[in-house]
Protein backbone atom coordinates (compact mmCIF):
# COMPACT_ATOMS: atom_id res chain seq x y z
CA UNK A 1 -50.81 59.36 90.36
CA UNK A 2 -49.96 62.83 91.69
CA UNK A 3 -49.39 64.40 88.28
CA UNK A 4 -52.46 62.82 86.68
CA UNK A 5 -54.85 63.88 89.44
CA UNK A 6 -55.96 66.89 87.41
CA UNK A 7 -58.35 64.58 85.56
CA UNK A 8 -60.65 64.86 88.57
CA UNK A 9 -60.73 68.65 88.16
CA UNK A 10 -63.78 68.80 85.87
CA UNK A 11 -65.60 66.27 88.03
CA UNK A 12 -65.05 68.39 91.14
CA UNK A 13 -66.15 71.53 89.31
CA UNK A 14 -69.39 69.91 88.22
CA UNK A 15 -70.12 68.28 91.59
CA UNK A 16 -69.24 71.02 94.08
CA UNK A 17 -70.08 74.06 91.90
CA UNK A 18 -67.09 76.02 93.18
CA UNK A 19 -64.84 78.42 91.26
CA UNK A 20 -62.13 77.12 88.95
CA UNK A 21 -59.27 78.69 90.87
CA UNK A 22 -60.55 77.51 94.23
CA UNK A 23 -61.08 73.96 92.97
CA UNK A 24 -57.65 73.87 91.34
CA UNK A 25 -56.10 74.24 94.79
CA UNK A 26 -56.86 70.56 95.45
CA UNK A 27 -54.28 69.30 92.96
CA UNK A 28 -51.88 72.14 93.80
CA UNK A 29 -51.84 71.28 97.50
CA UNK A 30 -51.50 67.58 96.66
CA UNK A 31 -48.40 68.09 94.51
CA UNK A 32 -46.90 70.69 96.84
CA UNK A 33 -47.28 68.61 100.00
CA UNK A 34 -46.00 65.47 98.26
CA UNK A 35 -42.78 67.17 97.19
CA UNK A 36 -42.31 69.38 100.26
CA UNK A 37 -42.64 66.45 102.64
CA UNK A 38 -39.09 65.39 101.81
CA UNK A 39 -37.50 66.61 105.09
CA UNK A 40 -40.22 64.90 107.13
CA UNK A 41 -39.90 61.68 105.15
CA UNK A 42 -36.11 61.64 105.37
CA UNK A 43 -36.09 62.14 109.13
CA UNK A 44 -38.60 59.31 109.56
CA UNK A 45 -36.56 57.05 107.29
CA UNK A 46 -33.43 57.73 109.34
CA UNK A 47 -35.28 56.76 112.51
CA UNK A 48 -37.61 53.93 111.45
CA UNK A 49 -36.28 52.71 108.10
CA UNK A 50 -37.69 52.61 104.56
CA UNK A 51 -40.01 49.67 105.21
CA UNK A 52 -41.98 51.18 108.10
CA UNK A 53 -42.25 54.63 106.49
CA UNK A 54 -43.50 53.22 103.18
CA UNK A 55 -46.13 51.09 104.88
CA UNK A 56 -47.31 54.03 107.00
CA UNK A 57 -47.49 56.27 103.93
CA UNK A 58 -49.53 53.68 102.04
CA UNK A 59 -52.07 53.40 104.85
CA UNK A 60 -52.33 57.18 105.26
CA UNK A 61 -52.73 57.94 101.56
CA UNK A 62 -55.21 55.12 101.01
CA UNK A 63 -57.35 56.10 104.00
CA UNK A 64 -57.46 59.76 102.96
CA UNK A 65 -58.46 58.88 99.41
CA UNK A 66 -61.26 56.70 100.73
CA UNK A 67 -62.46 59.48 103.05
CA UNK A 68 -62.58 61.87 100.10
CA UNK A 69 -65.55 59.95 98.75
CA UNK A 70 -67.67 61.40 101.56
CA UNK A 71 -66.49 64.99 101.09
CA UNK A 72 -69.24 67.62 101.12
CA UNK A 73 -67.07 70.53 100.03
CA UNK A 74 -63.86 71.42 98.25
CA UNK A 75 -62.44 72.57 101.58
CA UNK A 76 -62.69 69.03 102.92
CA UNK A 77 -60.82 67.80 99.84
CA UNK A 78 -58.05 70.24 100.70
CA UNK A 79 -57.56 68.24 103.89
CA UNK A 80 -58.16 64.69 102.68
CA UNK A 81 -56.59 64.80 99.21
CA UNK A 82 -54.27 67.79 99.49
CA UNK A 83 -52.75 67.35 102.94
CA UNK A 84 -53.46 63.72 103.92
CA UNK A 85 -52.93 62.01 100.59
CA UNK A 86 -50.06 64.35 99.72
CA UNK A 87 -48.19 63.51 102.91
CA UNK A 88 -48.87 59.80 102.47
CA UNK A 89 -47.56 59.80 98.90
CA UNK A 90 -44.50 61.73 100.06
CA UNK A 91 -43.81 59.02 102.63
CA UNK A 92 -44.00 56.46 99.83
CA UNK A 93 -41.96 58.32 97.22
CA UNK A 94 -38.81 59.25 99.13
CA UNK A 95 -38.06 55.78 100.60
CA UNK A 96 -38.46 54.28 97.13
CA UNK A 97 -35.63 56.49 95.87
CA UNK A 98 -33.46 56.36 98.99
CA UNK A 99 -33.59 52.56 99.24
CA UNK A 100 -32.08 52.23 95.75
CA UNK A 101 -28.93 54.06 96.84
CA UNK A 102 -28.60 51.67 99.80
CA UNK A 103 -28.84 48.43 97.82
CA UNK A 104 -26.62 49.30 94.86
CA UNK A 105 -22.94 50.21 94.86
CA UNK A 106 -21.41 49.66 91.42
CA UNK A 107 -24.54 50.48 89.36
CA UNK A 108 -26.02 53.03 91.74
CA UNK A 109 -26.47 55.76 89.11
CA UNK A 110 -28.25 53.43 86.70
CA UNK A 111 -30.50 52.02 89.42
CA UNK A 112 -31.46 55.50 90.62
CA UNK A 113 -32.25 56.57 87.06
CA UNK A 114 -34.53 53.58 86.57
CA UNK A 115 -36.29 54.29 89.87
CA UNK A 116 -36.91 57.92 88.93
CA UNK A 117 -38.27 56.84 85.54
CA UNK A 118 -41.01 55.02 87.43
CA UNK A 119 -42.66 58.38 88.16
CA UNK A 120 -42.93 59.16 84.47
CA UNK A 121 -44.20 55.69 83.66
CA UNK A 122 -46.81 55.96 86.39
CA UNK A 123 -48.04 59.24 84.92
CA UNK A 124 -48.50 57.61 81.52
CA UNK A 125 -50.43 54.72 83.06
CA UNK A 126 -52.56 56.55 85.62
CA UNK A 127 -53.86 59.23 83.26
CA UNK A 128 -55.87 56.91 80.97
CA UNK A 129 -56.63 54.54 83.86
CA UNK A 130 -58.15 57.35 85.93
CA UNK A 131 -60.24 58.50 82.99
CA UNK A 132 -61.57 54.99 82.43
CA UNK A 133 -62.41 54.59 86.11
CA UNK A 134 -64.28 57.90 86.22
CA UNK A 135 -66.36 57.01 83.17
CA UNK A 136 -67.21 53.60 84.60
CA UNK A 137 -67.68 54.28 88.33
CA UNK A 138 -67.86 58.06 88.72
CA UNK A 139 -65.28 60.11 90.60
CA UNK A 140 -66.19 58.57 93.98
CA UNK A 141 -65.76 55.03 92.68
CA UNK A 142 -62.54 55.99 90.92
CA UNK A 143 -61.11 57.33 94.17
CA UNK A 144 -61.99 54.09 95.95
CA UNK A 145 -60.26 51.99 93.29
CA UNK A 146 -57.17 54.20 93.41
CA UNK A 147 -57.14 53.99 97.21
CA UNK A 148 -57.00 50.20 96.93
CA UNK A 149 -54.11 50.48 94.44
CA UNK A 150 -52.23 52.80 96.80
CA UNK A 151 -52.89 50.42 99.68
CA UNK A 152 -51.12 47.76 97.64
CA UNK A 153 -47.89 49.69 98.15
CA UNK A 154 -47.78 48.01 101.56
CA UNK A 155 -46.62 44.87 99.76
CA UNK A 156 -43.76 46.70 98.06
CA UNK A 157 -42.83 48.43 101.30
CA UNK A 158 -42.68 45.09 103.09
CA UNK A 159 -40.20 43.91 100.45
CA UNK A 160 -37.62 46.49 101.55
CA UNK A 161 -35.12 44.19 103.24
CA UNK A 162 -33.28 45.92 106.10
CA UNK A 163 -29.56 46.01 105.48
CA UNK A 164 -27.18 44.77 108.17
CA UNK A 165 -24.12 46.94 108.62
CA UNK A 166 -20.90 44.99 108.09
CA UNK A 167 -18.35 45.26 110.93
CA UNK A 168 -15.45 47.51 110.06
CA UNK A 169 -12.15 45.67 109.51
CA UNK A 170 -9.28 47.37 111.36
CA UNK A 171 -6.61 48.58 108.99
CA UNK A 172 -3.16 47.06 109.49
CA UNK A 173 -0.55 49.62 110.54
CA UNK A 174 3.08 48.78 109.63
CA UNK A 175 5.45 48.80 112.62
CA UNK A 176 8.57 50.93 112.42
CA UNK A 177 11.71 50.95 114.54
CA UNK A 178 13.05 54.31 115.64
CA UNK A 179 16.78 54.48 116.22
CA UNK A 180 18.15 57.29 118.32
CA UNK A 181 20.90 59.43 116.76
CA UNK A 182 24.38 58.15 117.51
CA UNK A 183 23.25 54.65 118.52
CA UNK A 184 23.57 53.09 115.08
CA UNK A 185 26.95 51.51 115.83
CA UNK A 186 25.86 50.11 119.17
CA UNK A 187 22.76 48.64 117.58
CA UNK A 188 24.75 46.92 114.84
CA UNK A 189 27.17 45.56 117.43
CA UNK A 190 24.34 44.16 119.54
CA UNK A 191 22.83 42.47 116.51
CA UNK A 192 26.17 40.86 115.60
CA UNK A 193 26.71 39.64 119.18
CA UNK A 194 23.26 38.10 119.17
CA UNK A 195 23.92 36.33 115.87
CA UNK A 196 27.28 34.95 117.10
CA UNK A 197 25.70 33.71 120.32
CA UNK A 198 22.98 31.95 118.33
CA UNK A 199 25.59 30.24 116.13
CA UNK A 200 27.62 29.02 119.16
CA UNK A 201 24.51 27.60 120.82
CA UNK A 202 23.75 25.45 117.76
CA UNK A 203 27.37 24.30 117.21
């Protein structure tokens, strides 16, 4: 969705009558905040887990997209779409990638590659979908539909099963006997005496 949001550009130009460069900042802030929110997302994931962060990001992004329908200026869209939606999408994106590395061991590289491909697939799907929604419902209606789709990420976030850490198995350490220098003969004699005593006790 982030990379196909430029389709709204012409609609915003026509509706708000602002300059092209100023209006283009909406998508720029959206992409920038989404990608730059990585440190924030990672710290939240470490503290609360992938499930809670994804659900929170879905609610935040969906709410900000819905609020954008009532925007009266491009400046307000900077806040609702650029900052709010960007941060929410960042909270969704990073846990989706991080969780893959937690669930897979042997095929971790393949699983991560498939997860990253989802971004490209989403761009292919959302571009024509957004255009269809704008033609049918206008840009306000399209934002509402997309906000509902983003809200659906709550379901996928809830499917992140928390992993239980397995208890560490203590490693067996082989025992060794240290013999002091010069005591080798005495030790051998003691062993022989013990063996002879054991034989006499059984005879």
